[in-house]
Amino acid sequence: MGLSEYDFVITHVPGTSNQSADALSRRADYHLSEEESKEALEQTLLPKEKFRITVIEREPDPPPQDTAREAGHPRKEVTSEAEKLLTLQNRHASPIAGHFGHGKTYHLISKDYHWANLNRDVKKFIQSCDVCQRVKPRRDRKYGLLQWILSLIYPSINPAMQ
């Protein structure tokens, strides 16, 4: 009984050529709190029609940039944690925001809002973004092939290694 009943062959597919890999085979180096993971799951399970309406209702209409600056309106001071989180979600994680990186998200938020440690909060939010961490490309160099140490083959080449 078990897997021995089936006739199958297991083959390895390198990650670079496996474009449709599942979530288990992807690198996930981010940290979500239990509350954030429940919230992400709830957002995933919403029907598309309802989710689209929710996004449109939640997104505040920003004032036109030129008129706001000319009239001398300063950027809005955000004090509550809930409002900070909502601003970060609207400018980074909403379907119309586009999941931009740290620099662009910071720029988008800092045009209209400001609070203490804004830069740190944006960086922390993006590092814990589930979507960004799943699709983030690897930036480390590929491992090279193993090479022989020449001094082991030819001891007279480098006597310092002996």
N, C-alpha and C. Protein backbone atom coordinates (compact mmCIF):
# COMPACT_ATOMS: atom_id res chain seq x y z
N MET A 1 0.85 -1.18 0.00
CA MET A 1 0.00 0.00 0.00
C MET A 1 0.90 1.25 0.00
N GLY A 2 0.39 2.36 -0.39
CA GLY A 2 1.16 3.59 -0.37
C GLY A 2 1.65 3.96 -1.76
N LEU A 3 2.79 4.60 -1.81
CA LEU A 3 3.32 5.09 -3.08
C LEU A 3 3.90 3.99 -3.96
N SER A 4 4.24 2.84 -3.36
CA SER A 4 4.85 1.76 -4.15
C SER A 4 3.88 1.18 -5.17
N GLU A 5 2.60 1.42 -5.02
CA GLU A 5 1.60 0.92 -5.97
C GLU A 5 1.63 1.70 -7.29
N TYR A 6 2.14 2.90 -7.27
CA TYR A 6 2.11 3.76 -8.44
C TYR A 6 3.44 3.72 -9.18
N ASP A 7 3.35 3.87 -10.49
CA ASP A 7 4.54 3.91 -11.32
C ASP A 7 4.82 5.37 -11.67
N PHE A 8 5.86 5.96 -11.08
CA PHE A 8 6.18 7.36 -11.33
C PHE A 8 7.68 7.58 -11.22
N VAL A 9 8.13 8.67 -11.81
CA VAL A 9 9.54 9.05 -11.76
C VAL A 9 9.63 10.46 -11.21
N ILE A 10 10.48 10.67 -10.24
CA ILE A 10 10.68 11.99 -9.66
C ILE A 10 11.85 12.65 -10.39
N THR A 11 11.60 13.83 -10.95
CA THR A 11 12.66 14.56 -11.63
C THR A 11 12.81 15.94 -11.00
N HIS A 12 14.03 16.40 -10.92
CA HIS A 12 14.32 17.71 -10.35
C HIS A 12 14.20 18.77 -11.44
N VAL A 13 13.48 19.85 -11.14
CA VAL A 13 13.38 20.99 -12.05
C VAL A 13 14.00 22.19 -11.33
N PRO A 14 15.09 22.76 -11.86
CA PRO A 14 15.71 23.91 -11.21
C PRO A 14 14.74 25.08 -11.09
N GLY A 15 14.88 25.84 -10.03
CA GLY A 15 13.97 26.95 -9.77
C GLY A 15 13.94 27.99 -10.87
N THR A 16 15.08 28.19 -11.55
CA THR A 16 15.12 29.22 -12.59
C THR A 16 14.28 28.84 -13.80
N SER A 17 14.13 27.55 -14.07
CA SER A 17 13.33 27.14 -15.22
C SER A 17 11.91 26.76 -14.84
N ASN A 18 11.61 26.73 -13.56
CA ASN A 18 10.27 26.36 -13.10
C ASN A 18 9.46 27.63 -12.86
N GLN A 19 8.79 28.10 -13.88
CA GLN A 19 8.07 29.37 -13.79
C GLN A 19 6.78 29.28 -13.00
N SER A 20 6.20 28.09 -12.90
CA SER A 20 4.93 27.96 -12.19
C SER A 20 5.11 27.18 -10.89
N ALA A 21 6.11 27.53 -10.12
CA ALA A 21 6.35 26.84 -8.86
C ALA A 21 5.29 27.19 -7.84
N ASP A 22 5.03 26.26 -6.95
CA ASP A 22 4.02 26.53 -5.92
C ASP A 22 4.64 27.32 -4.78
N ALA A 23 3.81 27.71 -3.83
CA ALA A 23 4.26 28.56 -2.73
C ALA A 23 5.27 27.85 -1.84
N LEU A 24 5.19 26.53 -1.72
CA LEU A 24 6.10 25.81 -0.84
C LEU A 24 7.53 25.79 -1.37
N SER A 25 7.70 25.90 -2.67
CA SER A 25 9.05 25.85 -3.22
C SER A 25 9.67 27.24 -3.37
N ARG A 26 8.97 28.26 -3.01
CA ARG A 26 9.51 29.62 -3.10
C ARG A 26 10.11 30.05 -1.77
N ARG A 27 11.07 30.90 -1.86
CA ARG A 27 11.75 31.42 -0.69
C ARG A 27 10.85 32.44 -0.01
N ALA A 28 10.71 32.30 1.28
CA ALA A 28 9.89 33.26 2.03
C ALA A 28 10.69 33.76 3.22
N ASP A 29 11.38 34.87 3.08
CA ASP A 29 12.18 35.40 4.17
C ASP A 29 11.56 36.67 4.71
N TYR A 30 10.34 36.56 5.14
CA TYR A 30 9.62 37.68 5.71
C TYR A 30 8.93 37.21 6.97
N HIS A 31 8.50 38.14 7.79
CA HIS A 31 7.89 37.80 9.06
C HIS A 31 6.53 38.46 9.15
N LEU A 32 5.51 37.64 9.30
CA LEU A 32 4.16 38.15 9.48
C LEU A 32 3.68 37.79 10.87
N SER A 33 3.03 38.72 11.52
CA SER A 33 2.43 38.37 12.80
C SER A 33 1.17 37.56 12.53
N GLU A 34 0.64 36.94 13.57
CA GLU A 34 -0.55 36.11 13.40
C GLU A 34 -1.72 36.95 12.90
N GLU A 35 -1.82 38.17 13.42
CA GLU A 35 -2.91 39.06 13.02
C GLU A 35 -2.80 39.44 11.54
N GLU A 36 -1.56 39.73 11.09
CA GLU A 36 -1.34 40.10 9.70
C GLU A 36 -1.63 38.94 8.76
N SER A 37 -1.27 37.70 9.18
CA SER A 37 -1.55 36.57 8.30
C SER A 37 -3.03 36.29 8.18
N LYS A 38 -3.77 36.48 9.27
CA LYS A 38 -5.23 36.30 9.20
C LYS A 38 -5.84 37.35 8.27
N GLU A 39 -5.33 38.58 8.36
CA GLU A 39 -5.84 39.66 7.53
C GLU A 39 -5.54 39.40 6.05
N ALA A 40 -4.32 38.90 5.77
CA ALA A 40 -3.95 38.59 4.39
C ALA A 40 -4.83 37.47 3.83
N LEU A 41 -5.14 36.49 4.67
CA LEU A 41 -5.99 35.39 4.24
C LEU A 41 -7.40 35.88 3.94
N GLU A 42 -7.93 36.76 4.78
CA GLU A 42 -9.27 37.29 4.55
C GLU A 42 -9.34 38.09 3.25
N GLN A 43 -8.29 38.85 2.96
CA GLN A 43 -8.27 39.62 1.72
C GLN A 43 -8.21 38.71 0.50
N THR A 44 -7.52 37.59 0.64
CA THR A 44 -7.40 36.65 -0.46
C THR A 44 -8.73 35.97 -0.76
N LEU A 45 -9.53 35.74 0.27
CA LEU A 45 -10.77 35.00 0.09
C LEU A 45 -11.95 35.86 -0.35
N LEU A 46 -11.78 37.16 -0.42
CA LEU A 46 -12.89 38.02 -0.86
C LEU A 46 -13.18 37.82 -2.35
N PRO A 47 -14.47 37.83 -2.73
CA PRO A 47 -14.77 37.77 -4.17
C PRO A 47 -14.26 39.02 -4.87
N LYS A 48 -13.90 38.90 -6.13
CA LYS A 48 -13.30 40.01 -6.87
C LYS A 48 -14.21 41.24 -6.93
N GLU A 49 -15.50 41.03 -7.16
CA GLU A 49 -16.41 42.16 -7.28
C GLU A 49 -16.49 42.94 -5.97
N LYS A 50 -16.62 42.21 -4.88
CA LYS A 50 -16.74 42.86 -3.57
C LYS A 50 -15.42 43.55 -3.21
N PHE A 51 -14.30 42.92 -3.54
CA PHE A 51 -13.00 43.48 -3.21
C PHE A 51 -12.77 44.77 -3.98
N ARG A 52 -13.16 44.80 -5.23
CA ARG A 52 -12.98 46.01 -6.05
C ARG A 52 -13.76 47.18 -5.47
N ILE A 53 -15.00 46.93 -5.05
CA ILE A 53 -15.82 47.98 -4.45
C ILE A 53 -15.19 48.46 -3.15
N THR A 54 -14.68 47.53 -2.34
CA THR A 54 -14.05 47.88 -1.07
C THR A 54 -12.84 48.78 -1.30
N VAL A 55 -12.03 48.46 -2.28
CA VAL A 55 -10.83 49.26 -2.56
C VAL A 55 -11.21 50.67 -2.98
N ILE A 56 -12.21 50.79 -3.83
CA ILE A 56 -12.63 52.11 -4.31
C ILE A 56 -13.19 52.94 -3.15
N GLU A 57 -13.94 52.30 -2.24
CA GLU A 57 -14.50 53.03 -1.10
C GLU A 57 -13.42 53.47 -0.12
N ARG A 58 -12.39 52.65 0.08
CA ARG A 58 -11.36 52.94 1.07
C ARG A 58 -10.35 53.98 0.60
N GLU A 59 -10.13 54.07 -0.68
CA GLU A 59 -9.11 54.99 -1.21
C GLU A 59 -9.62 56.42 -1.13
N PRO A 60 -8.98 57.25 -0.30
CA PRO A 60 -9.42 58.64 -0.23
C PRO A 60 -9.02 59.40 -1.49
N ASP A 61 -9.82 60.37 -1.85
CA ASP A 61 -9.49 61.19 -3.01
C ASP A 61 -8.42 62.20 -2.60
N PRO A 62 -7.20 62.07 -3.14
CA PRO A 62 -6.16 63.02 -2.77
C PRO A 62 -6.42 64.37 -3.42
N PRO A 63 -6.04 65.45 -2.75
CA PRO A 63 -6.20 66.76 -3.38
C PRO A 63 -5.23 66.89 -4.54
N PRO A 64 -5.58 67.65 -5.55
CA PRO A 64 -4.63 67.86 -6.65
C PRO A 64 -3.33 68.45 -6.11
N GLN A 65 -2.21 67.88 -6.52
CA GLN A 65 -0.91 68.25 -5.94
C GLN A 65 -0.59 69.73 -6.12
N ASP A 66 -0.76 70.23 -7.32
CA ASP A 66 -0.37 71.62 -7.59
C ASP A 66 -1.21 72.61 -6.77
N THR A 67 -2.52 72.39 -6.73
CA THR A 67 -3.38 73.32 -6.00
C THR A 67 -3.12 73.25 -4.50
N ALA A 68 -2.87 72.06 -3.99
CA ALA A 68 -2.62 71.93 -2.55
C ALA A 68 -1.33 72.66 -2.18
N ARG A 69 -0.29 72.54 -3.00
CA ARG A 69 0.99 73.20 -2.71
C ARG A 69 0.85 74.72 -2.85
N GLU A 70 0.13 75.17 -3.88
CA GLU A 70 -0.03 76.61 -4.10
C GLU A 70 -0.84 77.25 -2.98
N ALA A 71 -1.82 76.54 -2.48
CA ALA A 71 -2.66 77.09 -1.41
C ALA A 71 -1.95 77.03 -0.06
N GLY A 72 -0.78 76.40 -0.02
CA GLY A 72 -0.01 76.34 1.22
C GLY A 72 -0.46 75.25 2.17
N HIS A 73 -1.16 74.23 1.67
CA HIS A 73 -1.58 73.13 2.52
C HIS A 73 -0.39 72.21 2.78
N PRO A 74 -0.05 72.00 4.04
CA PRO A 74 1.06 71.09 4.34
C PRO A 74 0.62 69.63 4.21
N ARG A 75 1.61 68.75 4.26
CA ARG A 75 1.28 67.33 4.25
C ARG A 75 0.54 66.97 5.53
N LYS A 76 -0.28 65.96 5.45
CA LYS A 76 -1.10 65.57 6.60
C LYS A 76 -0.25 64.83 7.63
N GLU A 77 -0.35 65.23 8.88
CA GLU A 77 0.36 64.57 9.97
C GLU A 77 -0.45 63.35 10.41
N VAL A 78 0.15 62.17 10.33
CA VAL A 78 -0.53 60.94 10.73
C VAL A 78 -0.02 60.54 12.11
N THR A 79 -0.96 60.36 13.05
CA THR A 79 -0.55 60.04 14.42
C THR A 79 -0.96 58.65 14.86
N SER A 80 -2.13 58.19 14.46
CA SER A 80 -2.59 56.88 14.94
C SER A 80 -1.98 55.74 14.13
N GLU A 81 -1.74 54.62 14.81
CA GLU A 81 -1.15 53.45 14.15
C GLU A 81 -2.10 52.89 13.09
N ALA A 82 -3.40 52.93 13.36
CA ALA A 82 -4.38 52.41 12.41
C ALA A 82 -4.36 53.21 11.11
N GLU A 83 -4.23 54.53 11.23
CA GLU A 83 -4.19 55.38 10.05
C GLU A 83 -2.89 55.18 9.27
N LYS A 84 -1.78 54.95 9.99
CA LYS A 84 -0.51 54.67 9.32
C LYS A 84 -0.61 53.38 8.51
N LEU A 85 -1.18 52.35 9.13
CA LEU A 85 -1.32 51.06 8.46
C LEU A 85 -2.22 51.18 7.23
N LEU A 86 -3.31 51.90 7.36
CA LEU A 86 -4.23 52.10 6.24
C LEU A 86 -3.54 52.86 5.10
N THR A 87 -2.75 53.87 5.44
CA THR A 87 -2.02 54.63 4.43
C THR A 87 -1.01 53.74 3.72
N LEU A 88 -0.27 52.93 4.48
CA LEU A 88 0.70 52.01 3.88
C LEU A 88 0.02 51.00 2.97
N GLN A 89 -1.11 50.47 3.40
CA GLN A 89 -1.83 49.50 2.57
C GLN A 89 -2.36 50.15 1.29
N ASN A 90 -2.90 51.35 1.41
CA ASN A 90 -3.44 52.03 0.22
C ASN A 90 -2.36 52.38 -0.79
N ARG A 91 -1.18 52.77 -0.32
CA ARG A 91 -0.12 53.23 -1.23
C ARG A 91 0.82 52.12 -1.68
N HIS A 92 0.72 50.92 -1.06
CA HIS A 92 1.60 49.83 -1.46
C HIS A 92 0.85 48.55 -1.83
N ALA A 93 -0.05 48.10 -0.97
CA ALA A 93 -0.62 46.76 -1.12
C ALA A 93 -1.98 46.71 -1.79
N SER A 94 -2.58 47.83 -2.09
CA SER A 94 -3.89 47.77 -2.75
C SER A 94 -3.68 47.39 -4.22
N PRO A 95 -4.70 46.82 -4.85
CA PRO A 95 -4.54 46.40 -6.25
C PRO A 95 -4.17 47.54 -7.20
N ILE A 96 -4.56 48.76 -6.88
CA ILE A 96 -4.21 49.88 -7.77
C ILE A 96 -2.86 50.49 -7.44
N ALA A 97 -2.24 50.08 -6.32
CA ALA A 97 -0.95 50.65 -5.93
C ALA A 97 0.21 50.00 -6.67
N GLY A 98 0.17 48.71 -6.89
CA GLY A 98 1.18 48.06 -7.72
C GLY A 98 2.34 47.42 -6.99
N HIS A 99 2.36 47.39 -5.66
CA HIS A 99 3.44 46.75 -4.89
C HIS A 99 4.81 47.26 -5.32
N PHE A 100 4.99 48.57 -5.31
CA PHE A 100 6.29 49.13 -5.64
C PHE A 100 7.28 48.87 -4.51
N GLY A 101 8.54 49.12 -4.78
CA GLY A 101 9.58 48.91 -3.80
C GLY A 101 9.61 50.01 -2.75
N HIS A 102 10.64 49.96 -1.91
CA HIS A 102 10.76 50.88 -0.79
C HIS A 102 10.81 52.34 -1.23
N GLY A 103 11.66 52.65 -2.19
CA GLY A 103 11.85 54.05 -2.61
C GLY A 103 10.61 54.68 -3.19
N LYS A 104 9.95 53.98 -4.10
CA LYS A 104 8.78 54.56 -4.75
C LYS A 104 7.60 54.64 -3.78
N THR A 105 7.43 53.62 -2.92
CA THR A 105 6.34 53.66 -1.94
C THR A 105 6.57 54.82 -0.97
N TYR A 106 7.81 54.99 -0.52
CA TYR A 106 8.12 56.10 0.39
C TYR A 106 7.80 57.44 -0.29
N HIS A 107 8.18 57.58 -1.55
CA HIS A 107 7.92 58.82 -2.29
C HIS A 107 6.42 59.08 -2.42
N LEU A 108 5.65 58.03 -2.74
CA LEU A 108 4.20 58.19 -2.90
C LEU A 108 3.53 58.63 -1.60
N ILE A 109 3.99 58.07 -0.48
CA ILE A 109 3.39 58.42 0.81
C ILE A 109 3.84 59.80 1.26
N SER A 110 5.13 60.09 1.10
CA SER A 110 5.67 61.35 1.62
C SER A 110 5.16 62.58 0.86
N LYS A 111 4.56 62.39 -0.32
CA LYS A 111 3.98 63.53 -1.03
C LYS A 111 2.80 64.12 -0.28
N ASP A 112 2.02 63.25 0.38
CA ASP A 112 0.79 63.71 1.03
C ASP A 112 0.78 63.56 2.55
N TYR A 113 1.62 62.68 3.10
CA TYR A 113 1.59 62.39 4.53
C TYR A 113 2.99 62.46 5.12
N HIS A 114 3.03 62.62 6.44
CA HIS A 114 4.31 62.46 7.14
C HIS A 114 4.05 62.07 8.58
N TRP A 115 4.99 61.31 9.14
CA TRP A 115 4.98 60.96 10.55
C TRP A 115 6.39 60.56 10.94
N ALA A 116 6.64 60.46 12.23
CA ALA A 116 7.97 60.10 12.71
C ALA A 116 8.30 58.68 12.24
N ASN A 117 9.52 58.47 11.78
CA ASN A 117 10.01 57.17 11.32
C ASN A 117 9.22 56.62 10.12
N LEU A 118 8.79 57.49 9.24
CA LEU A 118 8.06 57.07 8.05
C LEU A 118 8.90 56.12 7.20
N ASN A 119 10.15 56.47 6.99
CA ASN A 119 11.04 55.65 6.16
C ASN A 119 11.18 54.24 6.74
N ARG A 120 11.38 54.14 8.05
CA ARG A 120 11.51 52.85 8.71
C ARG A 120 10.22 52.03 8.60
N ASP A 121 9.08 52.69 8.77
CA ASP A 121 7.79 51.99 8.70
C ASP A 121 7.52 51.46 7.30
N VAL A 122 7.87 52.23 6.27
CA VAL A 122 7.68 51.78 4.89
C VAL A 122 8.55 50.56 4.63
N LYS A 123 9.80 50.62 5.05
CA LYS A 123 10.72 49.49 4.84
C LYS A 123 10.22 48.24 5.55
N LYS A 124 9.79 48.40 6.79
CA LYS A 124 9.29 47.27 7.58
C LYS A 124 8.02 46.68 6.95
N PHE A 125 7.13 47.54 6.46
CA PHE A 125 5.88 47.08 5.84
C PHE A 125 6.17 46.27 4.57
N ILE A 126 7.10 46.75 3.76
CA ILE A 126 7.42 46.05 2.51
C ILE A 126 8.11 44.73 2.79
N GLN A 127 8.95 44.67 3.83
CA GLN A 127 9.60 43.42 4.19
C GLN A 127 8.61 42.37 4.68
N SER A 128 7.47 42.81 5.19
CA SER A 128 6.47 41.85 5.67
C SER A 128 5.33 41.66 4.67
N CYS A 129 5.44 42.23 3.49
CA CYS A 129 4.40 42.08 2.46
C CYS A 129 4.49 40.69 1.84
N ASP A 130 3.43 39.92 1.98
CA ASP A 130 3.39 38.54 1.51
C ASP A 130 3.63 38.45 0.00
N VAL A 131 2.97 39.27 -0.77
CA VAL A 131 3.09 39.22 -2.23
C VAL A 131 4.51 39.57 -2.67
N CYS A 132 5.06 40.63 -2.12
CA CYS A 132 6.41 41.06 -2.51
C CYS A 132 7.46 40.00 -2.20
N GLN A 133 7.34 39.34 -1.05
CA GLN A 133 8.33 38.35 -0.67
C GLN A 133 8.23 37.09 -1.51
N ARG A 134 7.03 36.74 -1.96
CA ARG A 134 6.88 35.54 -2.79
C ARG A 134 7.45 35.73 -4.19
N VAL A 135 7.33 36.91 -4.75
CA VAL A 135 7.77 37.12 -6.13
C VAL A 135 9.10 37.86 -6.23
N LYS A 136 9.73 38.12 -5.10
CA LYS A 136 11.00 38.86 -5.10
C LYS A 136 12.09 38.02 -5.78
N PRO A 137 12.79 38.60 -6.76
CA PRO A 137 13.86 37.84 -7.41
C PRO A 137 15.08 37.73 -6.50
N ARG A 138 15.81 36.66 -6.67
CA ARG A 138 17.04 36.48 -5.89
C ARG A 138 18.10 37.46 -6.39
N ARG A 139 18.82 38.04 -5.44
CA ARG A 139 19.83 39.02 -5.81
C ARG A 139 21.24 38.51 -5.54
N ASP A 140 21.35 37.33 -4.94
CA ASP A 140 22.68 36.81 -4.67
C ASP A 140 23.25 36.15 -5.93
N ARG A 141 24.56 36.05 -5.98
CA ARG A 141 25.21 35.48 -7.15
C ARG A 141 24.97 33.98 -7.18
N LYS A 142 24.96 33.43 -8.39
CA LYS A 142 24.80 31.99 -8.53
C LYS A 142 26.07 31.32 -8.02
N TYR A 143 25.88 30.14 -7.44
CA TYR A 143 27.03 29.41 -6.95
C TYR A 143 27.84 28.89 -8.14
N GLY A 144 29.15 29.00 -8.02
CA GLY A 144 30.01 28.52 -9.10
C GLY A 144 30.24 27.02 -8.99
N LEU A 145 30.89 26.47 -9.98
CA LEU A 145 31.23 25.05 -9.96
C LEU A 145 32.38 24.83 -8.99
N LEU A 146 32.45 23.64 -8.44
CA LEU A 146 33.56 23.33 -7.54
C LEU A 146 34.86 23.32 -8.33
N GLN A 147 35.90 23.87 -7.74
CA GLN A 147 37.21 23.95 -8.39
C GLN A 147 38.23 23.21 -7.54
N TRP A 148 39.18 22.60 -8.21
CA TRP A 148 40.27 21.96 -7.50
C TRP A 148 41.20 23.02 -6.96
N ILE A 149 41.77 22.78 -5.80
CA ILE A 149 42.80 23.67 -5.27
C ILE A 149 44.12 23.21 -5.87
N LEU A 150 44.71 24.06 -6.69
CA LEU A 150 45.89 23.67 -7.45
C LEU A 150 47.06 23.26 -6.57
N SER A 151 47.18 23.85 -5.39
CA SER A 151 48.33 23.51 -4.54
C SER A 151 48.21 22.09 -3.99
N LEU A 152 47.01 21.52 -3.98
CA LEU A 152 46.87 20.13 -3.55
C LEU A 152 47.28 19.18 -4.67
N ILE A 153 47.06 19.59 -5.91
CA ILE A 153 47.44 18.74 -7.05
C ILE A 153 48.93 18.91 -7.34
N TYR A 154 49.38 20.17 -7.35
CA TYR A 154 50.78 20.49 -7.64
C TYR A 154 51.37 21.20 -6.41
N PRO A 155 51.93 20.47 -5.48
CA PRO A 155 52.40 21.08 -4.22
C PRO A 155 53.49 22.15 -4.42
N SER A 156 54.20 22.12 -5.50
CA SER A 156 55.28 23.09 -5.68
C SER A 156 54.77 24.48 -6.09
N ILE A 157 53.49 24.62 -6.44
CA ILE A 157 52.95 25.91 -6.89
C ILE A 157 52.89 26.91 -5.74
N ASN A 158 52.33 26.53 -4.62
CA ASN A 158 52.16 27.46 -3.50
C ASN A 158 52.54 26.76 -2.20
N PRO A 159 53.79 26.86 -1.79
CA PRO A 159 54.22 26.15 -0.58
C PRO A 159 53.60 26.73 0.70
N ALA A 160 53.05 27.93 0.64
CA ALA A 160 52.46 28.55 1.84
C ALA A 160 51.19 27.83 2.28
N MET A 161 50.50 27.16 1.36
CA MET A 161 49.26 26.48 1.71
C MET A 161 49.50 25.11 2.33
N GLN A 162 50.73 24.60 2.32
CA GLN A 162 50.99 23.26 2.85
C GLN A 162 51.04 23.27 4.32
